[in-house]
């Protein structure tokens, strides 16, 4: 089955789960390839699913988008998800960049696999 992202259904506008302070883990999986329309929809969905800052585990599998959501990139995950212990980003073949992960003080497990188009990881330590 395919489920389309429906902004009205989940209350669109971002931060759908940002008030779920007791949610500890999120696993997001994509199935199939819907072309460019699927890329736009996936990027919009991930943007709107900004989790609460208490999150401990975050997994994304087969994400068809090319970019990480703004809530993960703008101040790296140290601001938006400072308590992360586990990150898995796998099979996201179109993804072009990752946020800086070097200051996540509780991170114990990082699994990055099959990111064929990854060009760079942001590094806040480098100025200019």
PDB file of N, CA and C in Angstrom:
ATOM      1  N   UNK A   1       0.828  -1.197   0.000  1.00  0.00           N
ATOM      2  CA  UNK A   1       0.000   0.000   0.000  1.00  0.00           C
ATOM      3  C   UNK A   1       0.862   1.246   0.000  1.00  0.00           C
ATOM      4  N   UNK A   2       0.373   2.269  -0.632  1.00  0.00           N
ATOM      5  CA  UNK A   2       1.053   3.557  -0.606  1.00  0.00           C
ATOM      6  C   UNK A   2       0.176   4.543   0.143  1.00  0.00           C
ATOM      7  N   UNK A   3       0.802   5.339   0.963  1.00  0.00           N
ATOM      8  CA  UNK A   3       0.100   6.385   1.682  1.00  0.00           C
ATOM      9  C   UNK A   3       0.698   7.713   1.269  1.00  0.00           C
ATOM     10  N   UNK A   4      -0.136   8.590   0.786  1.00  0.00           N
ATOM     11  CA  UNK A   4       0.343   9.905   0.362  1.00  0.00           C
ATOM     12  C   UNK A   4       0.417  10.824   1.568  1.00  0.00           C
ATOM     13  N   UNK A   5       1.373  11.683   1.531  1.00  0.00           N
ATOM     14  CA  UNK A   5       1.498  12.703   2.574  1.00  0.00           C
ATOM     15  C   UNK A   5       0.349  13.685   2.424  1.00  0.00           C
ATOM     16  N   UNK A   6      -0.381  13.907   3.484  1.00  0.00           N
ATOM     17  CA  UNK A   6      -1.515  14.819   3.459  1.00  0.00           C
ATOM     18  C   UNK A   6      -1.312  15.854   4.550  1.00  0.00           C
ATOM     19  N   UNK A   7      -0.928  17.040   4.153  1.00  0.00           N
ATOM     20  CA  UNK A   7      -0.609  18.112   5.099  1.00  0.00           C
ATOM     21  C   UNK A   7      -1.795  18.430   6.015  1.00  0.00           C
ATOM     22  N   UNK A   8      -3.003  18.425   5.463  1.00  0.00           N
ATOM     23  CA  UNK A   8      -4.188  18.724   6.270  1.00  0.00           C
ATOM     24  C   UNK A   8      -4.445  17.631   7.306  1.00  0.00           C
ATOM     25  N   UNK A   9      -4.179  16.385   6.930  1.00  0.00           N
ATOM     26  CA  UNK A   9      -4.435  15.258   7.822  1.00  0.00           C
ATOM     27  C   UNK A   9      -3.572  15.301   9.075  1.00  0.00           C
ATOM     28  N   UNK A  10      -2.305  15.673   8.934  1.00  0.00           N
ATOM     29  CA  UNK A  10      -1.437  15.685  10.109  1.00  0.00           C
ATOM     30  C   UNK A  10      -1.242  17.077  10.682  1.00  0.00           C
ATOM     31  N   UNK A  11      -2.002  18.021  10.203  1.00  0.00           N
ATOM     32  CA  UNK A  11      -1.941  19.349  10.788  1.00  0.00           C
ATOM     33  C   UNK A  11      -0.865  20.228  10.210  1.00  0.00           C
ATOM     34  N   UNK A  12      -0.264  19.858   9.101  1.00  0.00           N
ATOM     35  CA  UNK A  12       0.737  20.614   8.351  1.00  0.00           C
ATOM     36  C   UNK A  12       1.322  21.842   9.010  1.00  0.00           C
ATOM     37  N   UNK A  13       2.286  22.392   8.391  1.00  0.00           N
ATOM     38  CA  UNK A  13       2.903  23.597   8.902  1.00  0.00           C
ATOM     39  C   UNK A  13       4.103  23.324   9.782  1.00  0.00           C
ATOM     40  N   UNK A  14       4.433  22.078   9.988  1.00  0.00           N
ATOM     41  CA  UNK A  14       5.645  21.746  10.725  1.00  0.00           C
ATOM     42  C   UNK A  14       5.413  21.427  12.184  1.00  0.00           C
ATOM     43  N   UNK A  15       6.326  20.685  12.730  1.00  0.00           N
ATOM     44  CA  UNK A  15       6.305  20.390  14.153  1.00  0.00           C
ATOM     45  C   UNK A  15       5.196  19.464  14.604  1.00  0.00           C
ATOM     46  N   UNK A  16       4.723  18.578  13.721  1.00  0.00           N
ATOM     47  CA  UNK A  16       3.615  17.691  14.053  1.00  0.00           C
ATOM     48  C   UNK A  16       3.872  16.883  15.315  1.00  0.00           C
ATOM     49  N   UNK A  17       5.069  16.414  15.514  1.00  0.00           N
ATOM     50  CA  UNK A  17       5.360  15.608  16.706  1.00  0.00           C
ATOM     51  C   UNK A  17       6.264  16.333  17.687  1.00  0.00           C
ATOM     52  N   UNK A  18       6.461  17.611  17.491  1.00  0.00           N
ATOM     53  CA  UNK A  18       7.374  18.358  18.368  1.00  0.00           C
ATOM     54  C   UNK A  18       6.853  18.489  19.798  1.00  0.00           C
ATOM     55  N   UNK A  19       5.565  18.260  20.002  1.00  0.00           N
ATOM     56  CA  UNK A  19       5.021  18.332  21.359  1.00  0.00           C
ATOM     57  C   UNK A  19       4.918  16.955  22.025  1.00  0.00           C
ATOM     58  N   UNK A  20       5.419  15.920  21.377  1.00  0.00           N
ATOM     59  CA  UNK A  20       5.374  14.556  21.928  1.00  0.00           C
ATOM     60  C   UNK A  20       6.635  14.305  22.755  1.00  0.00           C
ATOM     61  N   UNK A  21       6.691  14.891  23.946  1.00  0.00           N
ATOM     62  CA  UNK A  21       7.911  14.852  24.755  1.00  0.00           C
ATOM     63  C   UNK A  21       8.283  13.463  25.262  1.00  0.00           C
ATOM     64  N   UNK A  22       7.345  12.515  25.288  1.00  0.00           N
ATOM     65  CA  UNK A  22       7.643  11.174  25.786  1.00  0.00           C
ATOM     66  C   UNK A  22       7.976  10.189  24.667  1.00  0.00           C
ATOM     67  N   UNK A  23       7.916  10.647  23.435  1.00  0.00           N
ATOM     68  CA  UNK A  23       8.311   9.823  22.298  1.00  0.00           C
ATOM     69  C   UNK A  23       9.833   9.705  22.296  1.00  0.00           C
ATOM     70  N   UNK A  24      10.342   8.488  22.364  1.00  0.00           N
ATOM     71  CA  UNK A  24      11.790   8.294  22.503  1.00  0.00           C
ATOM     72  C   UNK A  24      12.484   7.896  21.210  1.00  0.00           C
ATOM     73  N   UNK A  25      11.796   7.177  20.332  1.00  0.00           N
ATOM     74  CA  UNK A  25      12.405   6.697  19.093  1.00  0.00           C
ATOM     75  C   UNK A  25      11.473   6.934  17.915  1.00  0.00           C
ATOM     76  N   UNK A  26      12.068   7.278  16.784  1.00  0.00           N
ATOM     77  CA  UNK A  26      11.317   7.422  15.539  1.00  0.00           C
ATOM     78  C   UNK A  26      12.054   6.647  14.462  1.00  0.00           C
ATOM     79  N   UNK A  27      11.329   5.773  13.776  1.00  0.00           N
ATOM     80  CA  UNK A  27      11.850   5.051  12.621  1.00  0.00           C
ATOM     81  C   UNK A  27      10.970   5.425  11.436  1.00  0.00           C
ATOM     82  N   UNK A  28      11.558   6.025  10.419  1.00  0.00           N
ATOM     83  CA  UNK A  28      10.815   6.464   9.239  1.00  0.00           C
ATOM     84  C   UNK A  28      11.331   5.673   8.048  1.00  0.00           C
ATOM     85  N   UNK A  29      10.411   4.991   7.352  1.00  0.00           N
ATOM     86  CA  UNK A  29      10.774   4.170   6.205  1.00  0.00           C
ATOM     87  C   UNK A  29       9.974   4.589   4.986  1.00  0.00           C
ATOM     88  N   UNK A  30      10.637   4.629   3.836  1.00  0.00           N
ATOM     89  CA  UNK A  30       9.966   4.905   2.572  1.00  0.00           C
ATOM     90  C   UNK A  30      10.043   3.649   1.719  1.00  0.00           C
ATOM     91  N   UNK A  31       8.953   3.380   0.980  1.00  0.00           N
ATOM     92  CA  UNK A  31       8.889   2.242   0.069  1.00  0.00           C
ATOM     93  C   UNK A  31       8.529   2.752  -1.314  1.00  0.00           C
ATOM     94  N   UNK A  32       9.169   2.235  -2.329  1.00  0.00           N
ATOM     95  CA  UNK A  32       8.846   2.604  -3.701  1.00  0.00           C
ATOM     96  C   UNK A  32       9.515   3.895  -4.122  1.00  0.00           C
ATOM     97  N   UNK A  33       9.324   4.226  -5.388  1.00  0.00           N
ATOM     98  CA  UNK A  33       9.921   5.429  -5.967  1.00  0.00           C
ATOM     99  C   UNK A  33       8.841   6.165  -6.734  1.00  0.00           C
ATOM    100  N   UNK A  34       8.484   7.339  -6.284  1.00  0.00           N
ATOM    101  CA  UNK A  34       7.435   8.127  -6.920  1.00  0.00           C
ATOM    102  C   UNK A  34       8.007   9.258  -7.766  1.00  0.00           C
ATOM    103  N   UNK A  35       9.262   9.165  -8.168  1.00  0.00           N
ATOM    104  CA  UNK A  35       9.874  10.181  -9.008  1.00  0.00           C
ATOM    105  C   UNK A  35      10.028  11.508  -8.289  1.00  0.00           C
ATOM    106  N   UNK A  36      10.067  12.584  -9.059  1.00  0.00           N
ATOM    107  CA  UNK A  36      10.276  13.920  -8.494  1.00  0.00           C
ATOM    108  C   UNK A  36       9.158  14.325  -7.534  1.00  0.00           C
ATOM    109  N   UNK A  37       7.936  13.940  -7.842  1.00  0.00           N
ATOM    110  CA  UNK A  37       6.815  14.257  -6.944  1.00  0.00           C
ATOM    111  C   UNK A  37       7.026  13.610  -5.580  1.00  0.00           C
ATOM    112  N   UNK A  38       7.540  12.390  -5.587  1.00  0.00           N
ATOM    113  CA  UNK A  38       7.826  11.694  -4.335  1.00  0.00           C
ATOM    114  C   UNK A  38       8.938  12.352  -3.543  1.00  0.00           C
ATOM    115  N   UNK A  39       9.935  12.905  -4.245  1.00  0.00           N
ATOM    116  CA  UNK A  39      11.039  13.605  -3.581  1.00  0.00           C
ATOM    117  C   UNK A  39      10.511  14.828  -2.854  1.00  0.00           C
ATOM    118  N   UNK A  40       9.725  15.635  -3.550  1.00  0.00           N
ATOM    119  CA  UNK A  40       9.166  16.845  -2.937  1.00  0.00           C
ATOM    120  C   UNK A  40       8.289  16.507  -1.745  1.00  0.00           C
ATOM    121  N   UNK A  41       7.457  15.494  -1.895  1.00  0.00           N
ATOM    122  CA  UNK A  41       6.559  15.081  -0.820  1.00  0.00           C
ATOM    123  C   UNK A  41       7.341  14.558   0.385  1.00  0.00           C
ATOM    124  N   UNK A  42       8.383  13.782   0.132  1.00  0.00           N
ATOM    125  CA  UNK A  42       9.201  13.232   1.220  1.00  0.00           C
ATOM    126  C   UNK A  42       9.919  14.342   1.974  1.00  0.00           C
ATOM    127  N   UNK A  43      10.471  15.302   1.246  1.00  0.00           N
ATOM    128  CA  UNK A  43      11.174  16.411   1.896  1.00  0.00           C
ATOM    129  C   UNK A  43      10.216  17.247   2.735  1.00  0.00           C
ATOM    130  N   UNK A  44       9.013  17.464   2.226  1.00  0.00           N
ATOM    131  CA  UNK A  44       8.011  18.227   2.966  1.00  0.00           C
ATOM    132  C   UNK A  44       7.567  17.467   4.214  1.00  0.00           C
ATOM    133  N   UNK A  45       7.373  16.169   4.066  1.00  0.00           N
ATOM    134  CA  UNK A  45       6.963  15.345   5.205  1.00  0.00           C
ATOM    135  C   UNK A  45       8.018  15.360   6.305  1.00  0.00           C
ATOM    136  N   UNK A  46       9.272  15.140   5.947  1.00  0.00           N
ATOM    137  CA  UNK A  46      10.332  15.115   6.952  1.00  0.00           C
ATOM    138  C   UNK A  46      10.473  16.474   7.633  1.00  0.00           C
ATOM    139  N   UNK A  47      10.274  17.532   6.886  1.00  0.00           N
ATOM    140  CA  UNK A  47      10.315  18.883   7.462  1.00  0.00           C
ATOM    141  C   UNK A  47       9.208  19.048   8.508  1.00  0.00           C
ATOM    142  N   UNK A  48       8.018  18.553   8.189  1.00  0.00           N
ATOM    143  CA  UNK A  48       6.874  18.705   9.090  1.00  0.00           C
ATOM    144  C   UNK A  48       6.919  17.773  10.295  1.00  0.00           C
ATOM    145  N   UNK A  49       7.743  16.754  10.251  1.00  0.00           N
ATOM    146  CA  UNK A  49       7.822  15.799  11.362  1.00  0.00           C
ATOM    147  C   UNK A  49       8.941  16.128  12.341  1.00  0.00           C
ATOM    148  N   UNK A  50       9.163  17.378  12.586  1.00  0.00           N
ATOM    149  CA  UNK A  50      10.205  17.760  13.542  1.00  0.00           C
ATOM    150  C   UNK A  50       9.878  17.164  14.907  1.00  0.00           C
ATOM    151  N   UNK A  51      10.756  16.301  15.426  1.00  0.00           N
ATOM    152  CA  UNK A  51      10.476  15.661  16.713  1.00  0.00           C
ATOM    153  C   UNK A  51      10.791  16.559  17.907  1.00  0.00           C
ATOM    154  N   UNK A  52      10.307  16.137  19.056  1.00  0.00           N
ATOM    155  CA  UNK A  52      10.607  16.827  20.309  1.00  0.00           C
ATOM    156  C   UNK A  52      12.087  16.653  20.631  1.00  0.00           C
ATOM    157  N   UNK A  53      12.672  17.594  21.298  1.00  0.00           N
ATOM    158  CA  UNK A  53      14.107  17.578  21.590  1.00  0.00           C
ATOM    159  C   UNK A  53      14.531  16.459  22.544  1.00  0.00           C
ATOM    160  N   UNK A  54      13.582  15.765  23.193  1.00  0.00           N
ATOM    161  CA  UNK A  54      13.908  14.654  24.095  1.00  0.00           C
ATOM    162  C   UNK A  54      14.177  13.342  23.364  1.00  0.00           C
ATOM    163  N   UNK A  55      14.033  13.323  22.056  1.00  0.00           N
ATOM    164  CA  UNK A  55      14.181  12.102  21.274  1.00  0.00           C
ATOM    165  C   UNK A  55      15.550  11.456  21.508  1.00  0.00           C
ATOM    166  N   UNK A  56      15.553  10.124  21.627  1.00  0.00           N
ATOM    167  CA  UNK A  56      16.801   9.376  21.860  1.00  0.00           C
ATOM    168  C   UNK A  56      17.280   8.638  20.609  1.00  0.00           C
ATOM    169  N   UNK A  57      16.353   8.138  19.803  1.00  0.00           N
ATOM    170  CA  UNK A  57      16.724   7.375  18.615  1.00  0.00           C
ATOM    171  C   UNK A  57      16.018   7.891  17.377  1.00  0.00           C
ATOM    172  N   UNK A  58      16.764   8.004  16.277  1.00  0.00           N
ATOM    173  CA  UNK A  58      16.217   8.532  15.024  1.00  0.00           C
ATOM    174  C   UNK A  58      16.741   7.690  13.866  1.00  0.00           C
ATOM    175  N   UNK A  59      15.821   7.033  13.147  1.00  0.00           N
ATOM    176  CA  UNK A  59      16.193   6.221  11.990  1.00  0.00           C
ATOM    177  C   UNK A  59      15.438   6.695  10.764  1.00  0.00           C
ATOM    178  N   UNK A  60      16.144   6.776   9.647  1.00  0.00           N
ATOM    179  CA  UNK A  60      15.537   7.101   8.358  1.00  0.00           C
ATOM    180  C   UNK A  60      16.056   6.085   7.349  1.00  0.00           C
ATOM    181  N   UNK A  61      15.127   5.390   6.693  1.00  0.00           N
ATOM    182  CA  UNK A  61      15.471   4.364   5.708  1.00  0.00           C
ATOM    183  C   UNK A  61      14.862   4.717   4.354  1.00  0.00           C
ATOM    184  N   UNK A  62      15.686   4.654   3.311  1.00  0.00           N
ATOM    185  CA  UNK A  62      15.240   4.806   1.922  1.00  0.00           C
ATOM    186  C   UNK A  62      14.578   6.149   1.629  1.00  0.00           C
ATOM    187  N   UNK A  63      14.976   7.171   2.334  1.00  0.00           N
ATOM    188  CA  UNK A  63      14.465   8.526   2.111  1.00  0.00           C
ATOM    189  C   UNK A  63      14.825   8.958   0.694  1.00  0.00           C
ATOM    190  N   UNK A  64      13.839   9.344  -0.132  1.00  0.00           N
ATOM    191  CA  UNK A  64      14.125   9.707  -1.516  1.00  0.00           C
ATOM    192  C   UNK A  64      14.548  11.163  -1.709  1.00  0.00           C
ATOM    193  N   UNK A  65      14.541  11.955  -0.658  1.00  0.00           N
ATOM    194  CA  UNK A  65      14.886  13.373  -0.768  1.00  0.00           C
ATOM    195  C   UNK A  65      16.373  13.601  -0.964  1.00  0.00           C
ATOM    196  N   UNK A  66      16.707  14.834  -1.353  1.00  0.00           N
ATOM    197  CA  UNK A  66      18.108  15.195  -1.579  1.00  0.00           C
ATOM    198  C   UNK A  66      18.677  15.997  -0.419  1.00  0.00           C
ATOM    199  N   UNK A  67      17.798  16.529   0.431  1.00  0.00           N
ATOM    200  CA  UNK A  67      18.288  17.363   1.533  1.00  0.00           C
ATOM    201  C   UNK A  67      17.635  17.004   2.858  1.00  0.00           C
ATOM    202  N   UNK A  68      18.369  17.286   3.909  1.00  0.00           N
ATOM    203  CA  UNK A  68      17.926  17.095   5.289  1.00  0.00           C
ATOM    204  C   UNK A  68      17.022  18.276   5.648  1.00  0.00           C
ATOM    205  N   UNK A  69      16.035  18.081   6.532  1.00  0.00           N
ATOM    206  CA  UNK A  69      15.160  19.199   6.905  1.00  0.00           C
ATOM    207  C   UNK A  69      15.908  20.323   7.616  1.00  0.00           C
ATOM    208  N   UNK A  70      15.347  21.511   7.537  1.00  0.00           N
ATOM    209  CA  UNK A  70      15.978  22.694   8.149  1.00  0.00           C
ATOM    210  C   UNK A  70      16.182  22.530   9.643  1.00  0.00           C
ATOM    211  N   UNK A  71      15.261  21.871  10.336  1.00  0.00           N
ATOM    212  CA  UNK A  71      15.396  21.735  11.786  1.00  0.00           C
ATOM    213  C   UNK A  71      16.614  20.894  12.158  1.00  0.00           C
ATOM    214  N   UNK A  72      17.113  20.100  11.254  1.00  0.00           N
ATOM    215  CA  UNK A  72      18.314  19.306  11.532  1.00  0.00           C
ATOM    216  C   UNK A  72      19.583  20.020  11.087  1.00  0.00           C
ATOM    217  N   UNK A  73      19.480  20.900  10.111  1.00  0.00           N
ATOM    218  CA  UNK A  73      20.665  21.521   9.541  1.00  0.00           C
ATOM    219  C   UNK A  73      21.047  22.849  10.173  1.00  0.00           C
ATOM    220  N   UNK A  74      20.085  23.692  10.488  1.00  0.00           N
ATOM    221  CA  UNK A  74      20.416  25.084  10.814  1.00  0.00           C
ATOM    222  C   UNK A  74      21.386  25.243  11.980  1.00  0.00           C
ATOM    223  N   UNK A  75      21.247  24.536  13.042  1.00  0.00           N
ATOM    224  CA  UNK A  75      22.191  24.613  14.165  1.00  0.00           C
ATOM    225  C   UNK A  75      22.725  23.234  14.508  1.00  0.00           C
ATOM    226  N   UNK A  76      22.765  22.398  13.539  1.00  0.00           N
ATOM    227  CA  UNK A  76      23.089  20.984  13.687  1.00  0.00           C
ATOM    228  C   UNK A  76      22.106  20.348  14.668  1.00  0.00           C
ATOM    229  N   UNK A  77      22.232  19.093  14.832  1.00  0.00           N
ATOM    230  CA  UNK A  77      21.309  18.380  15.715  1.00  0.00           C
ATOM    231  C   UNK A  77      21.583  18.638  17.188  1.00  0.00           C
ATOM    232  N   UNK A  78      22.681  19.296  17.511  1.00  0.00           N
ATOM    233  CA  UNK A  78      22.983  19.566  18.920  1.00  0.00           C
ATOM    234  C   UNK A  78      21.976  20.515  19.542  1.00  0.00           C
ATOM    235  N   UNK A  79      21.304  21.296  18.733  1.00  0.00           N
ATOM    236  CA  UNK A  79      20.278  22.206  19.234  1.00  0.00           C
ATOM    237  C   UNK A  79      18.896  21.578  19.157  1.00  0.00           C
ATOM    238  N   UNK A  80      18.560  20.992  18.005  1.00  0.00           N
ATOM    239  CA  UNK A  80      17.209  20.472  17.825  1.00  0.00           C
ATOM    240  C   UNK A  80      16.983  19.122  18.503  1.00  0.00           C
ATOM    241  N   UNK A  81      17.997  18.260  18.541  1.00  0.00           N
ATOM    242  CA  UNK A  81      17.875  16.933  19.165  1.00  0.00           C
ATOM    243  C   UNK A  81      19.132  16.619  19.981  1.00  0.00           C
ATOM    244  N   UNK A  82      19.358  17.335  21.063  1.00  0.00           N
ATOM    245  CA  UNK A  82      20.623  17.217  21.803  1.00  0.00           C
ATOM    246  C   UNK A  82      20.819  15.895  22.539  1.00  0.00           C
ATOM    247  N   UNK A  83      19.742  15.146  22.791  1.00  0.00           N
ATOM    248  CA  UNK A  83      19.842  13.921  23.588  1.00  0.00           C
ATOM    249  C   UNK A  83      19.932  12.647  22.757  1.00  0.00           C
ATOM    250  N   UNK A  84      20.161  12.777  21.452  1.00  0.00           N
ATOM    251  CA  UNK A  84      20.219  11.589  20.600  1.00  0.00           C
ATOM    252  C   UNK A  84      21.312  10.631  21.060  1.00  0.00           C
ATOM    253  N   UNK A  85      20.935   9.357  21.138  1.00  0.00           N
ATOM    254  CA  UNK A  85      21.853   8.290  21.505  1.00  0.00           C
ATOM    255  C   UNK A  85      22.139   7.419  20.277  1.00  0.00           C
ATOM    256  N   UNK A  86      21.149   7.323  19.376  1.00  0.00           N
ATOM    257  CA  UNK A  86      21.249   6.424  18.227  1.00  0.00           C
ATOM    258  C   UNK A  86      20.742   7.122  16.970  1.00  0.00           C
ATOM    259  N   UNK A  87      21.537   7.058  15.904  1.00  0.00           N
ATOM    260  CA  UNK A  87      21.140   7.592  14.600  1.00  0.00           C
ATOM    261  C   UNK A  87      21.419   6.530  13.548  1.00  0.00           C
ATOM    262  N   UNK A  88      20.445   6.326  12.669  1.00  0.00           N
ATOM    263  CA  UNK A  88      20.613   5.422  11.537  1.00  0.00           C
ATOM    264  C   UNK A  88      20.087   6.145  10.299  1.00  0.00           C
ATOM    265  N   UNK A  89      20.938   6.314   9.308  1.00  0.00           N
ATOM    266  CA  UNK A  89      20.537   6.917   8.034  1.00  0.00           C
ATOM    267  C   UNK A  89      20.998   5.946   6.960  1.00  0.00           C
ATOM    268  N   UNK A  90      20.058   5.188   6.404  1.00  0.00           N
ATOM    269  CA  UNK A  90      20.419   4.081   5.520  1.00  0.00           C
ATOM    270  C   UNK A  90      19.589   4.068   4.244  1.00  0.00           C
ATOM    271  N   UNK A  91      20.238   3.772   3.140  1.00  0.00           N
ATOM    272  CA  UNK A  91      19.547   3.634   1.869  1.00  0.00           C
ATOM    273  C   UNK A  91      19.001   4.935   1.318  1.00  0.00           C
ATOM    274  N   UNK A  92      19.506   6.039   1.775  1.00  0.00           N
ATOM    275  CA  UNK A  92      19.035   7.364   1.332  1.00  0.00           C
ATOM    276  C   UNK A  92      19.920   7.804   0.168  1.00  0.00           C
ATOM    277  N   UNK A  93      19.744   7.169  -0.969  1.00  0.00           N
ATOM    278  CA  UNK A  93      20.668   7.279  -2.086  1.00  0.00           C
ATOM    279  C   UNK A  93      20.739   8.644  -2.745  1.00  0.00           C
ATOM    280  N   UNK A  94      19.737   9.471  -2.585  1.00  0.00           N
ATOM    281  CA  UNK A  94      19.758  10.803  -3.203  1.00  0.00           C
ATOM    282  C   UNK A  94      20.245  11.894  -2.254  1.00  0.00           C
ATOM    283  N   UNK A  95      20.381  11.570  -1.001  1.00  0.00           N
ATOM    284  CA  UNK A  95      20.775  12.554   0.003  1.00  0.00           C
ATOM    285  C   UNK A  95      22.158  13.115  -0.311  1.00  0.00           C
ATOM    286  N   UNK A  96      22.286  14.451  -0.291  1.00  0.00           N
ATOM    287  CA  UNK A  96      23.530  15.101  -0.702  1.00  0.00           C
ATOM    288  C   UNK A  96      24.395  15.571   0.461  1.00  0.00           C
ATOM    289  N   UNK A  97      23.812  15.776   1.636  1.00  0.00           N
ATOM    290  CA  UNK A  97      24.607  16.250   2.769  1.00  0.00           C
ATOM    291  C   UNK A  97      24.020  15.752   4.080  1.00  0.00           C
ATOM    292  N   UNK A  98      24.844  15.795   5.108  1.00  0.00           N
ATOM    293  CA  UNK A  98      24.424  15.443   6.464  1.00  0.00           C
ATOM    294  C   UNK A  98      24.779  16.586   7.402  1.00  0.00           C
ATOM    295  N   UNK A  99      24.041  16.708   8.493  1.00  0.00           N
ATOM    296  CA  UNK A  99      24.380  17.743   9.473  1.00  0.00           C
ATOM    297  C   UNK A  99      25.621  17.354  10.272  1.00  0.00           C
ATOM    298  N   UNK A 100      26.193  18.309  10.955  1.00  0.00           N
ATOM    299  CA  UNK A 100      27.337  18.080  11.833  1.00  0.00           C
ATOM    300  C   UNK A 100      26.870  17.248  13.022  1.00  0.00           C
ATOM    301  N   UNK A 101      27.544  16.151  13.309  1.00  0.00           N
ATOM    302  CA  UNK A 101      27.168  15.242  14.395  1.00  0.00           C
ATOM    303  C   UNK A 101      28.205  15.207  15.509  1.00  0.00           C
ATOM    304  N   UNK A 102      29.278  15.940  15.362  1.00  0.00           N
ATOM    305  CA  UNK A 102      30.407  15.862  16.275  1.00  0.00           C
ATOM    306  C   UNK A 102      30.175  16.367  17.677  1.00  0.00           C
ATOM    307  N   UNK A 103      29.105  17.104  17.904  1.00  0.00           N
ATOM    308  CA  UNK A 103      28.862  17.642  19.244  1.00  0.00           C
ATOM    309  C   UNK A 103      27.675  16.992  19.948  1.00  0.00           C
ATOM    310  N   UNK A 104      27.189  15.878  19.419  1.00  0.00           N
ATOM    311  CA  UNK A 104      26.112  15.151  20.094  1.00  0.00           C
ATOM    312  C   UNK A 104      26.735  14.342  21.227  1.00  0.00           C
ATOM    313  N   UNK A 105      26.704  14.891  22.427  1.00  0.00           N
ATOM    314  CA  UNK A 105      27.456  14.312  23.539  1.00  0.00           C
ATOM    315  C   UNK A 105      26.967  12.948  24.008  1.00  0.00           C
ATOM    316  N   UNK A 106      25.723  12.572  23.712  1.00  0.00           N
ATOM    317  CA  UNK A 106      25.201  11.281  24.168  1.00  0.00           C
ATOM    318  C   UNK A 106      25.196  10.218  23.071  1.00  0.00           C
ATOM    319  N   UNK A 107      25.605  10.574  21.866  1.00  0.00           N
ATOM    320  CA  UNK A 107      25.558   9.653  20.734  1.00  0.00           C
ATOM    321  C   UNK A 107      26.474   8.448  20.971  1.00  0.00           C
ATOM    322  N   UNK A 108      25.874   7.246  20.905  1.00  0.00           N
ATOM    323  CA  UNK A 108      26.638   6.013  21.107  1.00  0.00           C
ATOM    324  C   UNK A 108      26.646   5.137  19.862  1.00  0.00           C
ATOM    325  N   UNK A 109      25.638   5.302  19.006  1.00  0.00           N
ATOM    326  CA  UNK A 109      25.523   4.459  17.823  1.00  0.00           C
ATOM    327  C   UNK A 109      25.187   5.317  16.608  1.00  0.00           C
ATOM    328  N   UNK A 110      26.045   5.240  15.602  1.00  0.00           N
ATOM    329  CA  UNK A 110      25.819   5.955  14.345  1.00  0.00           C
ATOM    330  C   UNK A 110      25.968   4.951  13.223  1.00  0.00           C
ATOM    331  N   UNK A 111      24.888   4.776  12.463  1.00  0.00           N
ATOM    332  CA  UNK A 111      24.913   3.853  11.352  1.00  0.00           C
ATOM    333  C   UNK A 111      24.549   4.622  10.097  1.00  0.00           C
ATOM    334  N   UNK A 112      25.503   4.783   9.193  1.00  0.00           N
ATOM    335  CA  UNK A 112      25.302   5.477   7.923  1.00  0.00           C
ATOM    336  C   UNK A 112      25.694   4.490   6.839  1.00  0.00           C
ATOM    337  N   UNK A 113      24.748   4.200   5.940  1.00  0.00           N
ATOM    338  CA  UNK A 113      24.975   3.155   4.955  1.00  0.00           C
ATOM    339  C   UNK A 113      24.245   3.487   3.662  1.00  0.00           C
ATOM    340  N   UNK A 114      24.865   3.238   2.552  1.00  0.00           N
ATOM    341  CA  UNK A 114      24.283   3.380   1.214  1.00  0.00           C
ATOM    342  C   UNK A 114      23.730   4.778   0.959  1.00  0.00           C
ATOM    343  N   UNK A 115      24.605   5.761   1.060  1.00  0.00           N
ATOM    344  CA  UNK A 115      24.281   7.147   0.712  1.00  0.00           C
ATOM    345  C   UNK A 115      25.103   7.490  -0.531  1.00  0.00           C
ATOM    346  N   UNK A 116      24.662   6.991  -1.661  1.00  0.00           N
ATOM    347  CA  UNK A 116      25.440   7.030  -2.895  1.00  0.00           C
ATOM    348  C   UNK A 116      25.775   8.434  -3.390  1.00  0.00           C
ATOM    349  N   UNK A 117      24.926   9.418  -3.127  1.00  0.00           N
ATOM    350  CA  UNK A 117      25.147  10.782  -3.626  1.00  0.00           C
ATOM    351  C   UNK A 117      25.603  11.753  -2.548  1.00  0.00           C
ATOM    352  N   UNK A 118      26.023  11.241  -1.405  1.00  0.00           N
ATOM    353  CA  UNK A 118      26.471  12.112  -0.322  1.00  0.00           C
ATOM    354  C   UNK A 118      27.722  12.874  -0.750  1.00  0.00           C
ATOM    355  N   UNK A 119      27.658  14.206  -0.659  1.00  0.00           N
ATOM    356  CA  UNK A 119      28.767  15.064  -1.076  1.00  0.00           C
ATOM    357  C   UNK A 119      29.578  15.578   0.106  1.00  0.00           C
ATOM    358  N   UNK A 120      28.909  15.867   1.226  1.00  0.00           N
ATOM    359  CA  UNK A 120      29.635  16.429   2.360  1.00  0.00           C
ATOM    360  C   UNK A 120      28.830  16.307   3.647  1.00  0.00           C
ATOM    361  N   UNK A 121      29.549  16.456   4.752  1.00  0.00           N
ATOM    362  CA  UNK A 121      28.936  16.590   6.067  1.00  0.00           C
ATOM    363  C   UNK A 121      29.306  17.975   6.567  1.00  0.00           C
ATOM    364  N   UNK A 122      28.312  18.719   7.013  1.00  0.00           N
ATOM    365  CA  UNK A 122      28.587  20.063   7.523  1.00  0.00           C
ATOM    366  C   UNK A 122      29.551  19.992   8.695  1.00  0.00           C
ATOM    367  N   UNK A 123      30.410  20.973   8.792  1.00  0.00           N
ATOM    368  CA  UNK A 123      31.353  21.055   9.906  1.00  0.00           C
ATOM    369  C   UNK A 123      31.333  22.480  10.429  1.00  0.00           C
ATOM    370  N   UNK A 124      30.709  22.680  11.564  1.00  0.00           N
ATOM    371  CA  UNK A 124      30.571  24.021  12.148  1.00  0.00           C
ATOM    372  C   UNK A 124      31.903  24.583  12.618  1.00  0.00           C
ATOM    373  N   UNK A 125      32.894  23.747  12.797  1.00  0.00           N
ATOM    374  CA  UNK A 125      34.186  24.224  13.291  1.00  0.00           C
ATOM    375  C   UNK A 125      34.945  25.018  12.240  1.00  0.00           C
ATOM    376  N   UNK A 126      34.616  24.787  10.964  1.00  0.00           N
ATOM    377  CA  UNK A 126      35.311  25.476   9.876  1.00  0.00           C
ATOM    378  C   UNK A 126      34.572  26.767   9.572  1.00  0.00           C
ATOM    379  N   UNK A 127      35.242  27.878   9.656  1.00  0.00           N
ATOM    380  CA  UNK A 127      34.596  29.163   9.365  1.00  0.00           C
ATOM    381  C   UNK A 127      34.932  29.582   7.946  1.00  0.00           C
ATOM    382  N   UNK A 128      34.043  30.452   7.416  1.00  0.00           N
ATOM    383  CA  UNK A 128      34.331  31.016   6.120  1.00  0.00           C
ATOM    384  C   UNK A 128      33.485  30.456   5.090  1.00  0.00           C
TER     385      UNK A 128
END
